């Protein structure tokens, strides 16, 4: 087996397109991560403002206390 064909080692390439595609994928991943974080922040802000999270936790903990008692 040739050592240069190992799958776990990055291959050196002179192809500028492969490097550009990797950079684009990284940028797309970063953008997607930012959008997901923004959506989570908006949902958390909405939920905190409505008091629904507190009521949900009250119901859950009351049920746990009743089940344990």
Foldseek 3Di string as FASTA:
>chain_A
DDPQPDPVDDHDDPDVVVVVVVVVVVVVVVVVVVVVVVVVVVVVVVCVVVCVVVVVVVVVVVVVVVVVD
